[in-house]
PDB file of N, CA and C in Angstrom:
ATOM      1  N   MET A   1      37.898  79.240  94.298  1.00  0.00           N
ATOM      2  CA  MET A   1      37.686  78.139  93.286  1.00  0.00           C
ATOM      3  C   MET A   1      37.846  76.816  93.902  1.00  0.00           C
ATOM      4  N   SER A   2      37.117  75.934  93.448  1.00  0.00           N
ATOM      5  CA  SER A   2      37.155  74.540  94.001  1.00  0.00           C
ATOM      6  C   SER A   2      37.977  73.643  92.985  1.00  0.00           C
ATOM      7  N   TYR A   3      38.366  72.537  93.588  1.00  0.00           N
ATOM      8  CA  TYR A   3      39.130  71.515  92.799  1.00  0.00           C
ATOM      9  C   TYR A   3      38.407  71.207  91.429  1.00  0.00           C
ATOM     10  N   ALA A   4      37.087  71.065  91.486  1.00  0.00           N
ATOM     11  CA  ALA A   4      36.308  70.845  90.294  1.00  0.00           C
ATOM     12  C   ALA A   4      36.300  71.865  89.334  1.00  0.00           C
ATOM     13  N   ASP A   5      36.520  73.104  89.732  1.00  0.00           N
ATOM     14  CA  ASP A   5      36.638  74.257  88.861  1.00  0.00           C
ATOM     15  C   ASP A   5      37.937  74.350  88.113  1.00  0.00           C
ATOM     16  N   THR A   6      39.047  74.018  88.849  1.00  0.00           N
ATOM     17  CA  THR A   6      40.355  74.137  88.397  1.00  0.00           C
ATOM     18  C   THR A   6      40.859  72.900  87.516  1.00  0.00           C
ATOM     19  N   LEU A   7      40.301  71.831  87.840  1.00  0.00           N
ATOM     20  CA  LEU A   7      40.752  70.542  87.091  1.00  0.00           C
ATOM     21  C   LEU A   7      40.603  70.671  85.548  1.00  0.00           C
ATOM     22  N   PRO A   8      39.400  70.985  85.126  1.00  0.00           N
ATOM     23  CA  PRO A   8      39.300  71.174  83.607  1.00  0.00           C
ATOM     24  C   PRO A   8      40.208  72.147  83.021  1.00  0.00           C
ATOM     25  N   ASP A   9      40.489  73.265  83.684  1.00  0.00           N
ATOM     26  CA  ASP A   9      41.436  74.191  83.171  1.00  0.00           C
ATOM     27  C   ASP A   9      42.829  73.661  83.114  1.00  0.00           C
ATOM     28  N   ALA A  10      43.178  72.918  84.175  1.00  0.00           N
ATOM     29  CA  ALA A  10      44.523  72.331  84.186  1.00  0.00           C
ATOM     30  C   ALA A  10      44.761  71.228  83.081  1.00  0.00           C
ATOM     31  N   VAL A  11      43.684  70.458  82.839  1.00  0.00           N
ATOM     32  CA  VAL A  11      43.656  69.454  81.808  1.00  0.00           C
ATOM     33  C   VAL A  11      43.763  70.170  80.382  1.00  0.00           C
ATOM     34  N   ALA A  12      42.949  71.231  80.243  1.00  0.00           N
ATOM     35  CA  ALA A  12      43.057  71.957  79.038  1.00  0.00           C
ATOM     36  C   ALA A  12      44.510  72.472  78.824  1.00  0.00           C
ATOM     37  N   ASP A  13      45.026  73.013  79.839  1.00  0.00           N
ATOM     38  CA  ASP A  13      46.409  73.615  79.670  1.00  0.00           C
ATOM     39  C   ASP A  13      47.352  72.563  79.303  1.00  0.00           C
ATOM     40  N   ALA A  14      47.261  71.379  79.905  1.00  0.00           N
ATOM     41  CA  ALA A  14      48.166  70.290  79.585  1.00  0.00           C
ATOM     42  C   ALA A  14      47.988  69.790  78.235  1.00  0.00           C
ATOM     43  N   ILE A  15      46.833  69.666  77.751  1.00  0.00           N
ATOM     44  CA  ILE A  15      46.612  69.229  76.334  1.00  0.00           C
ATOM     45  C   ILE A  15      47.169  70.262  75.432  1.00  0.00           C
ATOM     46  N   ALA A  16      46.914  71.567  75.771  1.00  0.00           N
ATOM     47  CA  ALA A  16      47.459  72.624  74.847  1.00  0.00           C
ATOM     48  C   ALA A  16      48.968  72.550  74.759  1.00  0.00           C
ATOM     49  N   THR A  17      49.597  72.335  75.818  1.00  0.00           N
ATOM     50  CA  THR A  17      51.015  72.213  75.880  1.00  0.00           C
ATOM     51  C   THR A  17      51.463  71.004  75.026  1.00  0.00           C
ATOM     52  N   VAL A  18      50.833  69.837  75.089  1.00  0.00           N
ATOM     53  CA  VAL A  18      51.218  68.658  74.356  1.00  0.00           C
ATOM     54  C   VAL A  18      51.045  68.992  72.827  1.00  0.00           C
ATOM     55  N   ILE A  19      49.935  69.566  72.448  1.00  0.00           N
ATOM     56  CA  ILE A  19      49.696  69.988  71.031  1.00  0.00           C
ATOM     57  C   ILE A  19      50.692  70.884  70.557  1.00  0.00           C
ATOM     58  N   ARG A  20      51.042  71.911  71.377  1.00  0.00           N
ATOM     59  CA  ARG A  20      51.999  72.999  70.960  1.00  0.00           C
ATOM     60  C   ARG A  20      53.435  72.362  70.777  1.00  0.00           C
ATOM     61  N   GLU A  21      53.807  71.369  71.633  1.00  0.00           N
ATOM     62  CA  GLU A  21      55.142  70.733  71.443  1.00  0.00           C
ATOM     63  C   GLU A  21      55.185  69.806  70.249  1.00  0.00           C
ATOM     64  N   ALA A  22      53.994  69.091  70.036  1.00  0.00           N
ATOM     65  CA  ALA A  22      53.949  68.270  68.903  1.00  0.00           C
ATOM     66  C   ALA A  22      54.024  69.055  67.579  1.00  0.00           C
ATOM     67  N   ARG A  23      53.273  70.133  67.550  1.00  0.00           N
ATOM     68  CA  ARG A  23      53.307  70.940  66.360  1.00  0.00           C
ATOM     69  C   ARG A  23      54.663  71.526  66.067  1.00  0.00           C
ATOM     70  N   ALA A  24      55.445  71.975  67.112  1.00  0.00           N
ATOM     71  CA  ALA A  24      56.775  72.495  67.007  1.00  0.00           C
ATOM     72  C   ALA A  24      57.627  71.386  66.466  1.00  0.00           C
ATOM     73  N   GLY A  25      57.533  70.126  66.880  1.00  0.00           N
ATOM     74  CA  GLY A  25      58.306  69.019  66.416  1.00  0.00           C
ATOM     75  C   GLY A  25      58.058  68.755  64.951  1.00  0.00           C
ATOM     76  N   TRP A  26      56.747  68.755  64.510  1.00  0.00           N
ATOM     77  CA  TRP A  26      56.386  68.584  63.124  1.00  0.00           C
ATOM     78  C   TRP A  26      56.925  69.633  62.279  1.00  0.00           C
ATOM     79  N   GLU A  27      56.930  70.865  62.745  1.00  0.00           N
ATOM     80  CA  GLU A  27      57.480  71.970  62.024  1.00  0.00           C
ATOM     81  C   GLU A  27      58.937  71.763  61.735  1.00  0.00           C
ATOM     82  N   ARG A  28      59.718  71.327  62.820  1.00  0.00           N
ATOM     83  CA  ARG A  28      61.119  71.122  62.640  1.00  0.00           C
ATOM     84  C   ARG A  28      61.346  70.047  61.639  1.00  0.00           C
ATOM     85  N   GLU A  29      60.582  68.935  61.713  1.00  0.00           N
ATOM     86  CA  GLU A  29      60.793  67.834  60.683  1.00  0.00           C
ATOM     87  C   GLU A  29      60.525  68.288  59.304  1.00  0.00           C
ATOM     88  N   LEU A  30      59.418  69.135  59.196  1.00  0.00           N
ATOM     89  CA  LEU A  30      59.047  69.574  57.881  1.00  0.00           C
ATOM     90  C   LEU A  30      60.276  70.485  57.302  1.00  0.00           C
ATOM     91  N   GLU A  31      60.759  71.263  58.111  1.00  0.00           N
ATOM     92  CA  GLU A  31      61.881  72.113  57.655  1.00  0.00           C
ATOM     93  C   GLU A  31      63.113  71.232  57.174  1.00  0.00           C
ATOM     94  N   VAL A  32      63.322  70.232  57.981  1.00  0.00           N
ATOM     95  CA  VAL A  32      64.437  69.357  57.612  1.00  0.00           C
ATOM     96  C   VAL A  32      64.196  68.721  56.215  1.00  0.00           C
ATOM     97  N   LEU A  33      62.955  68.221  56.080  1.00  0.00           N
ATOM     98  CA  LEU A  33      62.617  67.551  54.745  1.00  0.00           C
ATOM     99  C   LEU A  33      62.667  68.600  53.699  1.00  0.00           C
ATOM    100  N   ARG A  34      62.275  69.841  53.883  1.00  0.00           N
ATOM    101  CA  ARG A  34      62.361  70.799  52.805  1.00  0.00           C
ATOM    102  C   ARG A  34      63.735  71.144  52.431  1.00  0.00           C
ATOM    103  N   ALA A  35      64.652  71.206  53.489  1.00  0.00           N
ATOM    104  CA  ALA A  35      66.099  71.412  53.216  1.00  0.00           C
ATOM    105  C   ALA A  35      66.746  70.312  52.449  1.00  0.00           C
ATOM    106  N   GLU A  36      66.416  69.023  52.843  1.00  0.00           N
ATOM    107  CA  GLU A  36      66.902  67.897  52.111  1.00  0.00           C
ATOM    108  C   GLU A  36      66.390  67.919  50.668  1.00  0.00           C
ATOM    109  N   ARG A  37      65.159  68.325  50.465  1.00  0.00           N
ATOM    110  CA  ARG A  37      64.641  68.409  49.045  1.00  0.00           C
ATOM    111  C   ARG A  37      65.370  69.383  48.272  1.00  0.00           C
ATOM    112  N   ARG A  38      65.505  70.575  48.853  1.00  0.00           N
ATOM    113  CA  ARG A  38      66.302  71.657  48.145  1.00  0.00           C
ATOM    114  C   ARG A  38      67.729  71.145  47.724  1.00  0.00           C
ATOM    115  N   ALA A  39      68.378  70.455  48.726  1.00  0.00           N
ATOM    116  CA  ALA A  39      69.790  70.028  48.379  1.00  0.00           C
ATOM    117  C   ALA A  39      69.698  68.901  47.273  1.00  0.00           C
ATOM    118  N   LEU A  40      68.741  68.055  47.301  1.00  0.00           N
ATOM    119  CA  LEU A  40      68.605  66.991  46.226  1.00  0.00           C
ATOM    120  C   LEU A  40      68.399  67.666  44.920  1.00  0.00           C
ATOM    121  N   VAL A  41      67.420  68.604  44.845  1.00  0.00           N
ATOM    122  CA  VAL A  41      67.169  69.294  43.574  1.00  0.00           C
ATOM    123  C   VAL A  41      68.334  69.953  43.082  1.00  0.00           C
ATOM    124  N   ALA A  42      69.143  70.643  43.973  1.00  0.00           N
ATOM    125  CA  ALA A  42      70.361  71.342  43.520  1.00  0.00           C
ATOM    126  C   ALA A  42      71.379  70.253  42.926  1.00  0.00           C
ATOM    127  N   GLU A  43      71.525  69.163  43.554  1.00  0.00           N
ATOM    128  CA  GLU A  43      72.529  68.090  43.073  1.00  0.00           C
ATOM    129  C   GLU A  43      72.024  67.593  41.784  1.00  0.00           C
ATOM    130  N   LEU A  44      70.714  67.386  41.637  1.00  0.00           N
ATOM    131  CA  LEU A  44      70.296  66.829  40.296  1.00  0.00           C
ATOM    132  C   LEU A  44      70.381  67.800  39.239  1.00  0.00           C
ATOM    133  N   ARG A  45      70.218  69.158  39.525  1.00  0.00           N
ATOM    134  CA  ARG A  45      70.386  70.190  38.519  1.00  0.00           C
ATOM    135  C   ARG A  45      71.863  70.196  38.093  1.00  0.00           C
ATOM    136  N   LEU A  46      72.827  70.082  38.990  1.00  0.00           N
ATOM    137  CA  LEU A  46      74.204  69.980  38.634  1.00  0.00           C
ATOM    138  C   LEU A  46      74.532  68.873  37.793  1.00  0.00           C
ATOM    139  N   ALA A  47      73.975  67.810  38.196  1.00  0.00           N
ATOM    140  CA  ALA A  47      74.281  66.516  37.508  1.00  0.00           C
ATOM    141  C   ALA A  47      73.687  66.592  36.080  1.00  0.00           C
ATOM    142  N   ALA A  48      72.535  67.254  35.879  1.00  0.00           N
ATOM    143  CA  ALA A  48      71.923  67.412  34.607  1.00  0.00           C
ATOM    144  C   ALA A  48      72.740  68.330  33.696  1.00  0.00           C
ATOM    145  N   LEU A  49      73.416  69.264  34.330  1.00  0.00           N
ATOM    146  CA  LEU A  49      74.274  70.130  33.567  1.00  0.00           C
ATOM    147  C   LEU A  49      75.641  69.510  33.210  1.00  0.00           C
ATOM    148  N   GLY A  50      75.898  68.312  33.820  1.00  0.00           N
ATOM    149  CA  GLY A  50      77.167  67.612  33.589  1.00  0.00           C
ATOM    150  C   GLY A  50      78.302  68.286  34.196  1.00  0.00           C
ATOM    151  N   GLN A  51      78.131  68.827  35.347  1.00  0.00           N
ATOM    152  CA  GLN A  51      79.212  69.453  36.164  1.00  0.00           C
ATOM    153  C   GLN A  51      80.076  68.265  36.625  1.00  0.00           C
ATOM    154  N   PRO A  52      81.426  68.420  36.517  1.00  0.00           N
ATOM    155  CA  PRO A  52      82.355  67.372  37.051  1.00  0.00           C
ATOM    156  C   PRO A  52      82.127  67.242  38.513  1.00  0.00           C
ATOM    157  N   GLY A  53      82.287  65.891  38.939  1.00  0.00           N
ATOM    158  CA  GLY A  53      82.222  65.676  40.428  1.00  0.00           C
ATOM    159  C   GLY A  53      80.819  65.620  40.915  1.00  0.00           C
ATOM    160  N   THR A  54      79.792  65.702  40.117  1.00  0.00           N
ATOM    161  CA  THR A  54      78.417  65.662  40.465  1.00  0.00           C
ATOM    162  C   THR A  54      77.780  64.414  40.172  1.00  0.00           C
ATOM    163  N   GLN A  55      78.386  63.571  39.379  1.00  0.00           N
ATOM    164  CA  GLN A  55      77.789  62.376  38.959  1.00  0.00           C
ATOM    165  C   GLN A  55      77.790  61.342  40.154  1.00  0.00           C
ATOM    166  N   PRO A  56      76.784  60.445  40.295  1.00  0.00           N
ATOM    167  CA  PRO A  56      76.768  59.627  41.406  1.00  0.00           C
ATOM    168  C   PRO A  56      77.887  58.586  41.243  1.00  0.00           C
ATOM    169  N   GLU A  57      78.343  58.171  42.427  1.00  0.00           N
ATOM    170  CA  GLU A  57      79.443  57.178  42.323  1.00  0.00           C
ATOM    171  C   GLU A  57      78.925  55.813  41.846  1.00  0.00           C
ATOM    172  N   PRO A  58      79.609  55.070  40.921  1.00  0.00           N
ATOM    173  CA  PRO A  58      79.055  53.890  40.456  1.00  0.00           C
ATOM    174  C   PRO A  58      79.050  52.935  41.637  1.00  0.00           C
ATOM    175  N   THR A  59      78.040  51.972  41.507  1.00  0.00           N
ATOM    176  CA  THR A  59      77.960  50.985  42.546  1.00  0.00           C
ATOM    177  C   THR A  59      78.871  49.819  42.094  1.00  0.00           C
ATOM    178  N   PRO A  60      79.501  49.218  43.002  1.00  0.00           N
ATOM    179  CA  PRO A  60      80.355  48.016  42.621  1.00  0.00           C
ATOM    180  C   PRO A  60      79.501  46.907  42.070  1.00  0.00           C
ATOM    181  N   ALA A  61      79.999  46.212  41.121  1.00  0.00           N
ATOM    182  CA  ALA A  61      79.359  45.136  40.587  1.00  0.00           C
ATOM    183  C   ALA A  61      79.266  43.947  41.520  1.00  0.00           C
ATOM    184  N   ALA A  62      78.058  43.335  41.473  1.00  0.00           N
ATOM    185  CA  ALA A  62      77.826  42.210  42.374  1.00  0.00           C
ATOM    186  C   ALA A  62      78.833  41.110  41.993  1.00  0.00           C
ATOM    187  N   PRO A  63      79.361  40.461  43.124  1.00  0.00           N
ATOM    188  CA  PRO A  63      80.404  39.382  42.787  1.00  0.00           C
ATOM    189  C   PRO A  63      79.672  38.256  42.068  1.00  0.00           C
ATOM    190  N   THR A  64      80.376  37.663  40.986  1.00  0.00           N
ATOM    191  CA  THR A  64      79.851  36.572  40.240  1.00  0.00           C
ATOM    192  C   THR A  64      80.209  35.278  40.820  1.00  0.00           C
ATOM    193  N   ALA A  65      79.392  34.320  40.716  1.00  0.00           N
ATOM    194  CA  ALA A  65      79.727  32.984  41.300  1.00  0.00           C
ATOM    195  C   ALA A  65      80.783  32.371  40.334  1.00  0.00           C
ATOM    196  N   ALA A  66      81.761  31.735  40.878  1.00  0.00           N
ATOM    197  CA  ALA A  66      82.816  31.072  40.088  1.00  0.00           C
ATOM    198  C   ALA A  66      82.198  29.900  39.380  1.00  0.00           C
ATOM    199  N   LYS A  67      82.490  29.775  38.141  1.00  0.00           N
ATOM    200  CA  LYS A  67      81.942  28.575  37.359  1.00  0.00           C
ATOM    201  C   LYS A  67      82.935  27.505  37.546  1.00  0.00           C
ATOM    202  N   PRO A  68      82.399  26.278  37.696  1.00  0.00           N
ATOM    203  CA  PRO A  68      83.351  25.061  37.845  1.00  0.00           C
ATOM    204  C   PRO A  68      84.077  24.950  36.474  1.00  0.00           C
ATOM    205  N   LYS A  69      85.343  24.509  36.653  1.00  0.00           N
ATOM    206  CA  LYS A  69      86.072  24.251  35.479  1.00  0.00           C
ATOM    207  C   LYS A  69      85.725  22.911  34.845  1.00  0.00           C
ATOM    208  N   ALA A  70      85.672  22.882  33.529  1.00  0.00           N
ATOM    209  CA  ALA A  70      85.323  21.615  32.892  1.00  0.00           C
ATOM    210  C   ALA A  70      86.532  20.670  32.971  1.00  0.00           C
ATOM    211  N   SER A  71      86.283  19.454  33.406  1.00  0.00           N
ATOM    212  CA  SER A  71      87.467  18.488  33.423  1.00  0.00           C
ATOM    213  C   SER A  71      87.809  17.978  32.019  1.00  0.00           C
ATOM    214  N   ARG A  72      89.079  17.817  31.714  1.00  0.00           N
ATOM    215  CA  ARG A  72      89.536  17.384  30.455  1.00  0.00           C
ATOM    216  C   ARG A  72      89.832  15.942  30.634  1.00  0.00           C
ATOM    217  N   SER A  73      89.183  15.054  30.037  1.00  0.00           N
ATOM    218  CA  SER A  73      89.407  13.590  30.210  1.00  0.00           C
ATOM    219  C   SER A  73      89.655  13.006  28.802  1.00  0.00           C
TER     220      SER A  73
END
């Protein structure tokens, strides 16, 4: 076999490897997203049932600007 015969095969193998690795990464990301979705749904179900400790923490109120005191003259 000559160089011209093996080069296309080598390129095809390299491309196949890149595609296979990308697909594996996407599948891992998809599984993480699915797990996060399942956890969120479970939390929301518990919150909807009113289970203690499942309500979201209240966010602190934004600080209010101090109003200037009216001068008494």
